[in-house]
Amino acid sequence: MQRKRDPTCHCFRFAETGQVIRLLIALVFTSASTIALHAEELLVSAAASLTDALKEIGAKFEKESNTKVVFNFGASSMLARQIEEGAPADVFFSADEAQMNRLQNKIAPATRCDLLTNVLVVIARKDSAENLSQLSDLTKPEIMRIAIANPQAVPAGVYAKEVLTKAKLWERIEAKIAPAENVRATLAVVEAGNADAGFVYKTDAMSLAKIRIALEIPAEFAPKIVYPAAIVAGSRHQDQAQRFLAFLKTVEAGQIFRRLGFGITQ
């Protein structure tokens, strides 16, 4: 028996095909809109000690600006060298003025601003028995290893060597020094028990439950620690970089910096 053809069959198929096409078009436009929202990416090279604060601030900035912020954290000296060698970056946020001065020809000088201050401290594990009441206690035989960031280049290490030199202790404890890549690496060395003490910023010391501040640096030896930021001259996102620098100066960002232990310069 011959089957009758349903005259509506093709119509339904055409209708279904049309719906699929419209759905695909809608998805394409939705995807394009989503991509457009984050088409601009701001690359910020920042000192390792700023990691916690900038991750929190960056998330807030992204929500307000629809600009995705990508952070490159590390030792300021390493970041400065990367920028010197042509690595892409829109904003440089250093843990000291020397590394920013080094990039004088690579930044937009008019955008440079001092934003934060910090304090250098000596740390130890909370479960350690070391009692450090003065810097000279670092020469005690029970203090066998002292972790600091690379004293030849990394700001935290340079500051630490400056403190110990002023206190006439550097030569006495130099053999105990365990150099680390940056201040966060220094923190990790002490936390793991691979050093009896270490020099880090107060903000870093506050970030780990297993770490305690064993000694505040006496005022006569304490270095002046300033964090400057600037837009990199070759940035292709100058407007977004300006907005990000402006956001770092807001009350909202300042509250985060203060909560995490930084001082505000402005």
C-alpha atoms as a PDB file:
ATOM      1  CA  MET A   1       0.000   0.000   0.000  1.00  0.00           C
ATOM      2  CA  GLN A   2       1.457   3.374  -1.029  1.00  0.00           C
ATOM      3  CA  ARG A   3       2.032   5.827   1.845  1.00  0.00           C
ATOM      4  CA  LYS A   4       0.484   9.263   1.621  1.00  0.00           C
ATOM      5  CA  ARG A   5       2.854  12.157   1.839  1.00  0.00           C
ATOM      6  CA  ASP A   6       2.150  14.606   4.564  1.00  0.00           C
ATOM      7  CA  PRO A   7       2.037  18.048   2.903  1.00  0.00           C
ATOM      8  CA  THR A   8       2.969  19.730   6.209  1.00  0.00           C
ATOM      9  CA  CYS A   9       6.123  17.705   6.719  1.00  0.00           C
ATOM     10  CA  HIS A  10       8.487  19.940   4.775  1.00  0.00           C
ATOM     11  CA  CYS A  11       6.971  23.044   6.303  1.00  0.00           C
ATOM     12  CA  PHE A  12       7.770  21.811   9.796  1.00  0.00           C
ATOM     13  CA  ARG A  13      11.295  20.927   8.715  1.00  0.00           C
ATOM     14  CA  PHE A  14      11.820  24.357   7.209  1.00  0.00           C
ATOM     15  CA  ALA A  15      10.432  25.944  10.361  1.00  0.00           C
ATOM     16  CA  GLU A  16      12.778  23.869  12.531  1.00  0.00           C
ATOM     17  CA  THR A  17      15.732  24.772  10.299  1.00  0.00           C
ATOM     18  CA  GLY A  18      14.846  28.426  10.564  1.00  0.00           C
ATOM     19  CA  GLN A  19      14.740  28.200  14.352  1.00  0.00           C
ATOM     20  CA  VAL A  20      18.148  26.562  14.426  1.00  0.00           C
ATOM     21  CA  ILE A  21      19.610  29.280  12.192  1.00  0.00           C
ATOM     22  CA  ARG A  22      18.126  32.025  14.364  1.00  0.00           C
ATOM     23  CA  LEU A  23      19.481  30.305  17.484  1.00  0.00           C
ATOM     24  CA  LEU A  24      22.960  30.073  15.961  1.00  0.00           C
ATOM     25  CA  ILE A  25      22.878  33.741  14.993  1.00  0.00           C
ATOM     26  CA  ALA A  26      21.811  34.671  18.527  1.00  0.00           C
ATOM     27  CA  LEU A  27      24.649  32.619  19.993  1.00  0.00           C
ATOM     28  CA  VAL A  28      27.160  34.280  17.688  1.00  0.00           C
ATOM     29  CA  PHE A  29      26.010  37.747  18.719  1.00  0.00           C
ATOM     30  CA  THR A  30      25.979  36.764  22.399  1.00  0.00           C
ATOM     31  CA  SER A  31      29.514  35.383  22.152  1.00  0.00           C
ATOM     32  CA  ALA A  32      30.667  38.487  20.301  1.00  0.00           C
ATOM     33  CA  SER A  33      29.169  40.691  23.008  1.00  0.00           C
ATOM     34  CA  THR A  34      30.867  38.671  25.728  1.00  0.00           C
ATOM     35  CA  ILE A  35      34.204  38.918  23.947  1.00  0.00           C
ATOM     36  CA  ALA A  36      33.725  42.657  23.490  1.00  0.00           C
ATOM     37  CA  LEU A  37      33.174  43.108  27.209  1.00  0.00           C
ATOM     38  CA  HIS A  38      36.681  41.780  27.883  1.00  0.00           C
ATOM     39  CA  ALA A  39      38.369  42.790  24.639  1.00  0.00           C
ATOM     40  CA  GLU A  40      40.672  45.107  26.565  1.00  0.00           C
ATOM     41  CA  GLU A  41      43.228  43.448  28.806  1.00  0.00           C
ATOM     42  CA  LEU A  42      45.421  45.499  31.096  1.00  0.00           C
ATOM     43  CA  LEU A  43      48.772  43.925  31.955  1.00  0.00           C
ATOM     44  CA  VAL A  44      50.115  45.045  35.330  1.00  0.00           C
ATOM     45  CA  SER A  45      53.636  44.082  36.412  1.00  0.00           C
ATOM     46  CA  ALA A  46      53.722  44.408  40.195  1.00  0.00           C
ATOM     47  CA  ALA A  47      55.979  43.579  43.133  1.00  0.00           C
ATOM     48  CA  ALA A  48      55.328  40.164  44.706  1.00  0.00           C
ATOM     49  CA  SER A  49      54.485  41.805  48.040  1.00  0.00           C
ATOM     50  CA  LEU A  50      51.437  43.397  46.382  1.00  0.00           C
ATOM     51  CA  THR A  51      49.915  40.058  45.353  1.00  0.00           C
ATOM     52  CA  ASP A  52      47.073  39.797  47.877  1.00  0.00           C
ATOM     53  CA  ALA A  53      46.078  43.459  47.749  1.00  0.00           C
ATOM     54  CA  LEU A  54      46.111  43.798  43.961  1.00  0.00           C
ATOM     55  CA  LYS A  55      44.200  40.594  43.336  1.00  0.00           C
ATOM     56  CA  GLU A  56      41.391  41.954  45.494  1.00  0.00           C
ATOM     57  CA  ILE A  57      41.572  45.450  44.034  1.00  0.00           C
ATOM     58  CA  GLY A  58      41.871  44.126  40.490  1.00  0.00           C
ATOM     59  CA  ALA A  59      38.656  42.122  40.850  1.00  0.00           C
ATOM     60  CA  LYS A  60      36.783  45.252  41.940  1.00  0.00           C
ATOM     61  CA  PHE A  61      38.275  47.301  39.105  1.00  0.00           C
ATOM     62  CA  GLU A  62      37.227  44.687  36.537  1.00  0.00           C
ATOM     63  CA  LYS A  63      33.602  44.857  37.683  1.00  0.00           C
ATOM     64  CA  GLU A  64      33.529  48.644  37.415  1.00  0.00           C
ATOM     65  CA  SER A  65      35.451  49.037  34.172  1.00  0.00           C
ATOM     66  CA  ASN A  66      34.783  45.866  32.133  1.00  0.00           C
ATOM     67  CA  THR A  67      38.555  45.769  31.626  1.00  0.00           C
ATOM     68  CA  LYS A  68      40.255  42.485  32.433  1.00  0.00           C
ATOM     69  CA  VAL A  69      43.385  42.919  34.549  1.00  0.00           C
ATOM     70  CA  VAL A  70      46.209  40.413  34.102  1.00  0.00           C
ATOM     71  CA  PHE A  71      48.894  40.548  36.805  1.00  0.00           C
ATOM     72  CA  ASN A  72      52.538  39.620  36.469  1.00  0.00           C
ATOM     73  CA  PHE A  73      53.875  39.368  40.033  1.00  0.00           C
ATOM     74  CA  GLY A  74      57.555  39.004  40.872  1.00  0.00           C
ATOM     75  CA  ALA A  75      60.635  40.728  42.221  1.00  0.00           C
ATOM     76  CA  SER A  76      60.614  44.382  41.148  1.00  0.00           C
ATOM     77  CA  SER A  77      64.135  43.997  39.757  1.00  0.00           C
ATOM     78  CA  MET A  78      63.058  41.077  37.563  1.00  0.00           C
ATOM     79  CA  LEU A  79      59.975  42.936  36.328  1.00  0.00           C
ATOM     80  CA  ALA A  80      62.050  46.030  35.522  1.00  0.00           C
ATOM     81  CA  ARG A  81      64.475  43.887  33.533  1.00  0.00           C
ATOM     82  CA  GLN A  82      61.581  42.324  31.613  1.00  0.00           C
ATOM     83  CA  ILE A  83      60.245  45.754  30.675  1.00  0.00           C
ATOM     84  CA  GLU A  84      63.727  46.912  29.670  1.00  0.00           C
ATOM     85  CA  GLU A  85      63.978  43.928  27.350  1.00  0.00           C
ATOM     86  CA  GLY A  86      60.657  44.736  25.695  1.00  0.00           C
ATOM     87  CA  ALA A  87      58.223  42.475  27.543  1.00  0.00           C
ATOM     88  CA  PRO A  88      54.642  43.780  27.282  1.00  0.00           C
ATOM     89  CA  ALA A  89      53.301  45.733  30.259  1.00  0.00           C
ATOM     90  CA  ASP A  90      50.861  48.595  30.709  1.00  0.00           C
ATOM     91  CA  VAL A  91      51.530  49.494  34.345  1.00  0.00           C
ATOM     92  CA  PHE A  92      54.593  48.948  36.545  1.00  0.00           C
ATOM     93  CA  PHE A  93      54.084  48.943  40.332  1.00  0.00           C
ATOM     94  CA  SER A  94      57.439  48.669  42.110  1.00  0.00           C
ATOM     95  CA  ALA A  95      58.397  47.922  45.717  1.00  0.00           C
ATOM     96  CA  ASP A  96      61.134  50.567  45.603  1.00  0.00           C
ATOM     97  CA  GLU A  97      62.086  53.762  43.862  1.00  0.00           C
ATOM     98  CA  ALA A  98      65.391  52.447  42.478  1.00  0.00           C
ATOM     99  CA  GLN A  99      63.720  50.028  40.059  1.00  0.00           C
ATOM    100  CA  MET A 100      61.329  52.725  38.874  1.00  0.00           C
ATOM    101  CA  ASN A 101      64.270  55.111  38.387  1.00  0.00           C
ATOM    102  CA  ARG A 102      65.926  52.411  36.307  1.00  0.00           C
ATOM    103  CA  LEU A 103      62.979  52.555  33.898  1.00  0.00           C
ATOM    104  CA  GLN A 104      62.932  56.325  33.544  1.00  0.00           C
ATOM    105  CA  ASN A 105      63.159  56.019  29.747  1.00  0.00           C
ATOM    106  CA  LYS A 106      60.556  53.244  29.593  1.00  0.00           C
ATOM    107  CA  ILE A 107      57.735  54.847  31.573  1.00  0.00           C
ATOM    108  CA  ALA A 108      55.546  57.890  31.053  1.00  0.00           C
ATOM    109  CA  PRO A 109      57.190  60.164  33.713  1.00  0.00           C
ATOM    110  CA  ALA A 110      54.118  62.347  34.162  1.00  0.00           C
ATOM    111  CA  THR A 111      52.126  59.321  35.361  1.00  0.00           C
ATOM    112  CA  ARG A 112      54.602  58.258  38.038  1.00  0.00           C
ATOM    113  CA  CYS A 113      53.218  58.484  41.573  1.00  0.00           C
ATOM    114  CA  ASP A 114      54.229  57.220  45.017  1.00  0.00           C
ATOM    115  CA  LEU A 115      51.289  55.256  46.381  1.00  0.00           C
ATOM    116  CA  LEU A 116      52.290  53.113  49.356  1.00  0.00           C
ATOM    117  CA  THR A 117      54.753  52.648  52.189  1.00  0.00           C
ATOM    118  CA  ASN A 118      55.800  49.502  54.004  1.00  0.00           C
ATOM    119  CA  VAL A 119      57.947  48.325  56.910  1.00  0.00           C
ATOM    120  CA  LEU A 120      60.682  45.693  56.977  1.00  0.00           C
ATOM    121  CA  VAL A 121      60.544  43.121  59.793  1.00  0.00           C
ATOM    122  CA  VAL A 122      62.317  39.954  60.912  1.00  0.00           C
ATOM    123  CA  ILE A 123      60.107  36.867  60.978  1.00  0.00           C
ATOM    124  CA  ALA A 124      60.226  33.364  62.427  1.00  0.00           C
ATOM    125  CA  ARG A 125      57.830  30.455  62.638  1.00  0.00           C
ATOM    126  CA  LYS A 126      55.264  30.713  65.429  1.00  0.00           C
ATOM    127  CA  ASP A 127      56.328  27.356  66.796  1.00  0.00           C
ATOM    128  CA  SER A 128      60.011  28.278  66.901  1.00  0.00           C
ATOM    129  CA  ALA A 129      61.862  28.937  70.162  1.00  0.00           C
ATOM    130  CA  GLU A 130      64.014  31.793  68.835  1.00  0.00           C
ATOM    131  CA  ASN A 131      63.739  34.932  70.937  1.00  0.00           C
ATOM    132  CA  LEU A 132      65.002  37.936  69.015  1.00  0.00           C
ATOM    133  CA  SER A 133      65.052  41.134  71.057  1.00  0.00           C
ATOM    134  CA  GLN A 134      67.626  42.983  68.925  1.00  0.00           C
ATOM    135  CA  LEU A 135      69.289  42.641  65.528  1.00  0.00           C
ATOM    136  CA  SER A 136      72.524  41.347  67.047  1.00  0.00           C
ATOM    137  CA  ASP A 137      70.625  38.243  68.197  1.00  0.00           C
ATOM    138  CA  LEU A 138      70.813  37.080  64.581  1.00  0.00           C
ATOM    139  CA  THR A 139      74.481  36.275  65.212  1.00  0.00           C
ATOM    140  CA  LYS A 140      73.590  33.640  67.826  1.00  0.00           C
ATOM    141  CA  PRO A 141      74.779  30.147  66.858  1.00  0.00           C
ATOM    142  CA  GLU A 142      71.253  28.722  67.100  1.00  0.00           C
ATOM    143  CA  ILE A 143      70.233  31.042  64.246  1.00  0.00           C
ATOM    144  CA  MET A 144      71.816  28.992  61.489  1.00  0.00           C
ATOM    145  CA  ARG A 145      70.050  30.268  58.339  1.00  0.00           C
ATOM    146  CA  ILE A 146      68.527  33.672  57.591  1.00  0.00           C
ATOM    147  CA  ALA A 147      66.347  33.974  54.485  1.00  0.00           C
ATOM    148  CA  ILE A 148      66.286  37.218  52.513  1.00  0.00           C
ATOM    149  CA  ALA A 149      65.425  38.080  48.928  1.00  0.00           C
ATOM    150  CA  ASN A 150      68.421  38.460  46.617  1.00  0.00           C
ATOM    151  CA  PRO A 151      70.395  41.277  48.328  1.00  0.00           C
ATOM    152  CA  GLN A 152      72.039  42.309  45.067  1.00  0.00           C
ATOM    153  CA  ALA A 153      68.844  43.255  43.247  1.00  0.00           C
ATOM    154  CA  VAL A 154      65.482  42.497  44.873  1.00  0.00           C
ATOM    155  CA  PRO A 155      64.206  45.489  46.909  1.00  0.00           C
ATOM    156  CA  ALA A 156      63.388  43.514  50.081  1.00  0.00           C
ATOM    157  CA  GLY A 157      66.860  41.968  50.023  1.00  0.00           C
ATOM    158  CA  VAL A 158      68.549  45.284  49.286  1.00  0.00           C
ATOM    159  CA  TYR A 159      66.687  46.820  52.230  1.00  0.00           C
ATOM    160  CA  ALA A 160      67.695  43.923  54.486  1.00  0.00           C
ATOM    161  CA  LYS A 161      71.360  44.230  53.566  1.00  0.00           C
ATOM    162  CA  GLU A 162      71.158  47.984  54.136  1.00  0.00           C
ATOM    163  CA  VAL A 163      69.757  47.408  57.638  1.00  0.00           C
ATOM    164  CA  LEU A 164      72.379  44.827  58.549  1.00  0.00           C
ATOM    165  CA  THR A 165      75.198  46.955  57.132  1.00  0.00           C
ATOM    166  CA  LYS A 166      74.102  49.989  59.149  1.00  0.00           C
ATOM    167  CA  ALA A 167      73.964  47.796  62.237  1.00  0.00           C
ATOM    168  CA  LYS A 168      77.492  46.532  61.436  1.00  0.00           C
ATOM    169  CA  LEU A 169      76.204  42.959  61.283  1.00  0.00           C
ATOM    170  CA  TRP A 170      76.323  42.054  57.592  1.00  0.00           C
ATOM    171  CA  GLU A 171      79.823  40.604  57.577  1.00  0.00           C
ATOM    172  CA  ARG A 172      79.109  38.631  60.751  1.00  0.00           C
ATOM    173  CA  ILE A 173      76.032  36.882  59.377  1.00  0.00           C
ATOM    174  CA  GLU A 174      76.661  36.882  55.617  1.00  0.00           C
ATOM    175  CA  ALA A 175      77.597  33.183  55.718  1.00  0.00           C
ATOM    176  CA  LYS A 176      74.144  32.398  57.166  1.00  0.00           C
ATOM    177  CA  ILE A 177      72.232  34.158  54.395  1.00  0.00           C
ATOM    178  CA  ALA A 178      69.900  31.995  52.284  1.00  0.00           C
ATOM    179  CA  PRO A 179      68.980  34.165  49.257  1.00  0.00           C
ATOM    180  CA  ALA A 180      65.509  33.740  47.750  1.00  0.00           C
ATOM    181  CA  GLU A 181      63.953  34.813  44.461  1.00  0.00           C
ATOM    182  CA  ASN A 182      61.633  37.412  45.990  1.00  0.00           C
ATOM    183  CA  VAL A 183      59.946  38.356  49.255  1.00  0.00           C
ATOM    184  CA  ARG A 184      57.183  35.755  48.906  1.00  0.00           C
ATOM    185  CA  ALA A 185      59.785  33.049  48.319  1.00  0.00           C
ATOM    186  CA  THR A 186      61.574  34.255  51.470  1.00  0.00           C
ATOM    187  CA  LEU A 187      58.335  33.871  53.397  1.00  0.00           C
ATOM    188  CA  ALA A 188      57.908  30.328  52.061  1.00  0.00           C
ATOM    189  CA  VAL A 189      61.447  29.342  53.084  1.00  0.00           C
ATOM    190  CA  VAL A 190      60.818  30.373  56.695  1.00  0.00           C
ATOM    191  CA  GLU A 191      57.334  28.869  56.769  1.00  0.00           C
ATOM    192  CA  ALA A 192      58.747  25.524  55.588  1.00  0.00           C
ATOM    193  CA  GLY A 193      61.332  25.578  58.392  1.00  0.00           C
ATOM    194  CA  ASN A 194      64.266  25.841  56.002  1.00  0.00           C
ATOM    195  CA  ALA A 195      65.480  29.024  57.696  1.00  0.00           C
ATOM    196  CA  ASP A 196      65.375  30.122  61.323  1.00  0.00           C
ATOM    197  CA  ALA A 197      64.553  33.739  60.502  1.00  0.00           C
ATOM    198  CA  GLY A 198      63.946  35.970  57.522  1.00  0.00           C
ATOM    199  CA  PHE A 199      63.543  39.568  56.416  1.00  0.00           C
ATOM    200  CA  VAL A 200      60.222  40.417  54.756  1.00  0.00           C
ATOM    201  CA  TYR A 201      57.752  43.279  54.622  1.00  0.00           C
ATOM    202  CA  LYS A 202      55.279  43.570  57.472  1.00  0.00           C
ATOM    203  CA  THR A 203      52.455  43.058  54.980  1.00  0.00           C
ATOM    204  CA  ASP A 204      53.877  39.659  54.029  1.00  0.00           C
ATOM    205  CA  ALA A 205      54.363  38.651  57.655  1.00  0.00           C
ATOM    206  CA  MET A 206      50.659  39.283  58.249  1.00  0.00           C
ATOM    207  CA  SER A 207      49.595  36.929  55.458  1.00  0.00           C
ATOM    208  CA  LEU A 208      50.497  33.531  56.961  1.00  0.00           C
ATOM    209  CA  ALA A 209      49.133  31.935  60.117  1.00  0.00           C
ATOM    210  CA  LYS A 210      52.351  29.998  60.804  1.00  0.00           C
ATOM    211  CA  ILE A 211      54.560  33.107  60.747  1.00  0.00           C
ATOM    212  CA  ARG A 212      55.157  35.664  63.498  1.00  0.00           C
ATOM    213  CA  ILE A 213      56.977  38.969  63.555  1.00  0.00           C
ATOM    214  CA  ALA A 214      60.010  38.193  65.693  1.00  0.00           C
ATOM    215  CA  LEU A 215      61.574  41.648  65.591  1.00  0.00           C
ATOM    216  CA  GLU A 216      60.681  45.137  64.422  1.00  0.00           C
ATOM    217  CA  ILE A 217      63.576  46.982  62.787  1.00  0.00           C
ATOM    218  CA  PRO A 218      64.810  49.772  65.118  1.00  0.00           C
ATOM    219  CA  ALA A 219      64.041  53.247  63.801  1.00  0.00           C
ATOM    220  CA  GLU A 220      67.711  54.204  63.409  1.00  0.00           C
ATOM    221  CA  PHE A 221      68.225  51.334  60.960  1.00  0.00           C
ATOM    222  CA  ALA A 222      64.811  51.212  59.291  1.00  0.00           C
ATOM    223  CA  PRO A 223      64.862  51.986  55.562  1.00  0.00           C
ATOM    224  CA  LYS A 224      62.373  54.276  53.861  1.00  0.00           C
ATOM    225  CA  ILE A 225      60.197  51.981  51.755  1.00  0.00           C
ATOM    226  CA  VAL A 226      58.066  53.577  49.061  1.00  0.00           C
ATOM    227  CA  TYR A 227      56.021  51.873  46.324  1.00  0.00           C
ATOM    228  CA  PRO A 228      55.788  53.954  43.110  1.00  0.00           C
ATOM    229  CA  ALA A 229      53.576  53.124  40.122  1.00  0.00           C
ATOM    230  CA  ALA A 230      53.624  54.406  36.538  1.00  0.00           C
ATOM    231  CA  ILE A 231      52.263  53.705  33.077  1.00  0.00           C
ATOM    232  CA  VAL A 232      54.724  52.054  30.714  1.00  0.00           C
ATOM    233  CA  ALA A 233      55.430  54.364  27.784  1.00  0.00           C
ATOM    234  CA  GLY A 234      54.790  51.666  25.170  1.00  0.00           C
ATOM    235  CA  SER A 235      51.384  50.712  26.564  1.00  0.00           C
ATOM    236  CA  ARG A 236      48.657  50.315  23.972  1.00  0.00           C
ATOM    237  CA  HIS A 237      46.004  50.799  26.648  1.00  0.00           C
ATOM    238  CA  GLN A 238      46.855  54.231  27.980  1.00  0.00           C
ATOM    239  CA  ASP A 239      43.266  55.165  28.870  1.00  0.00           C
ATOM    240  CA  GLN A 240      42.620  51.961  30.795  1.00  0.00           C
ATOM    241  CA  ALA A 241      46.002  52.272  32.522  1.00  0.00           C
ATOM    242  CA  GLN A 242      45.122  55.810  33.623  1.00  0.00           C
ATOM    243  CA  ARG A 243      41.818  54.584  35.013  1.00  0.00           C
ATOM    244  CA  PHE A 244      43.559  51.777  36.885  1.00  0.00           C
ATOM    245  CA  LEU A 245      46.073  54.167  38.467  1.00  0.00           C
ATOM    246  CA  ALA A 246      43.215  56.448  39.449  1.00  0.00           C
ATOM    247  CA  PHE A 247      41.372  53.479  40.980  1.00  0.00           C
ATOM    248  CA  LEU A 248      44.434  52.627  43.102  1.00  0.00           C
ATOM    249  CA  LYS A 249      44.059  56.063  44.706  1.00  0.00           C
ATOM    250  CA  THR A 250      40.386  55.663  45.597  1.00  0.00           C
ATOM    251  CA  VAL A 251      39.073  55.296  49.140  1.00  0.00           C
ATOM    252  CA  GLU A 252      37.911  51.769  48.280  1.00  0.00           C
ATOM    253  CA  ALA A 253      41.402  50.657  47.211  1.00  0.00           C
ATOM    254  CA  GLY A 254      42.973  52.502  50.153  1.00  0.00           C
ATOM    255  CA  GLN A 255      40.847  50.541  52.605  1.00  0.00           C
ATOM    256  CA  ILE A 256      42.137  47.269  51.154  1.00  0.00           C
ATOM    257  CA  PHE A 257      45.756  48.415  51.249  1.00  0.00           C
ATOM    258  CA  ARG A 258      45.432  49.558  54.876  1.00  0.00           C
ATOM    259  CA  ARG A 259      43.681  46.361  55.961  1.00  0.00           C
ATOM    260  CA  LEU A 260      46.591  44.356  54.577  1.00  0.00           C
ATOM    261  CA  GLY A 261      49.157  46.502  56.398  1.00  0.00           C
ATOM    262  CA  PHE A 262      50.323  49.074  53.835  1.00  0.00           C
ATOM    263  CA  GLY A 263      50.695  52.764  54.538  1.00  0.00           C
ATOM    264  CA  ILE A 264      49.149  55.263  52.117  1.00  0.00           C
ATOM    265  CA  THR A 265      51.290  58.142  50.876  1.00  0.00           C
ATOM    266  CA  GLN A 266      48.480  60.369  49.623  1.00  0.00           C
END
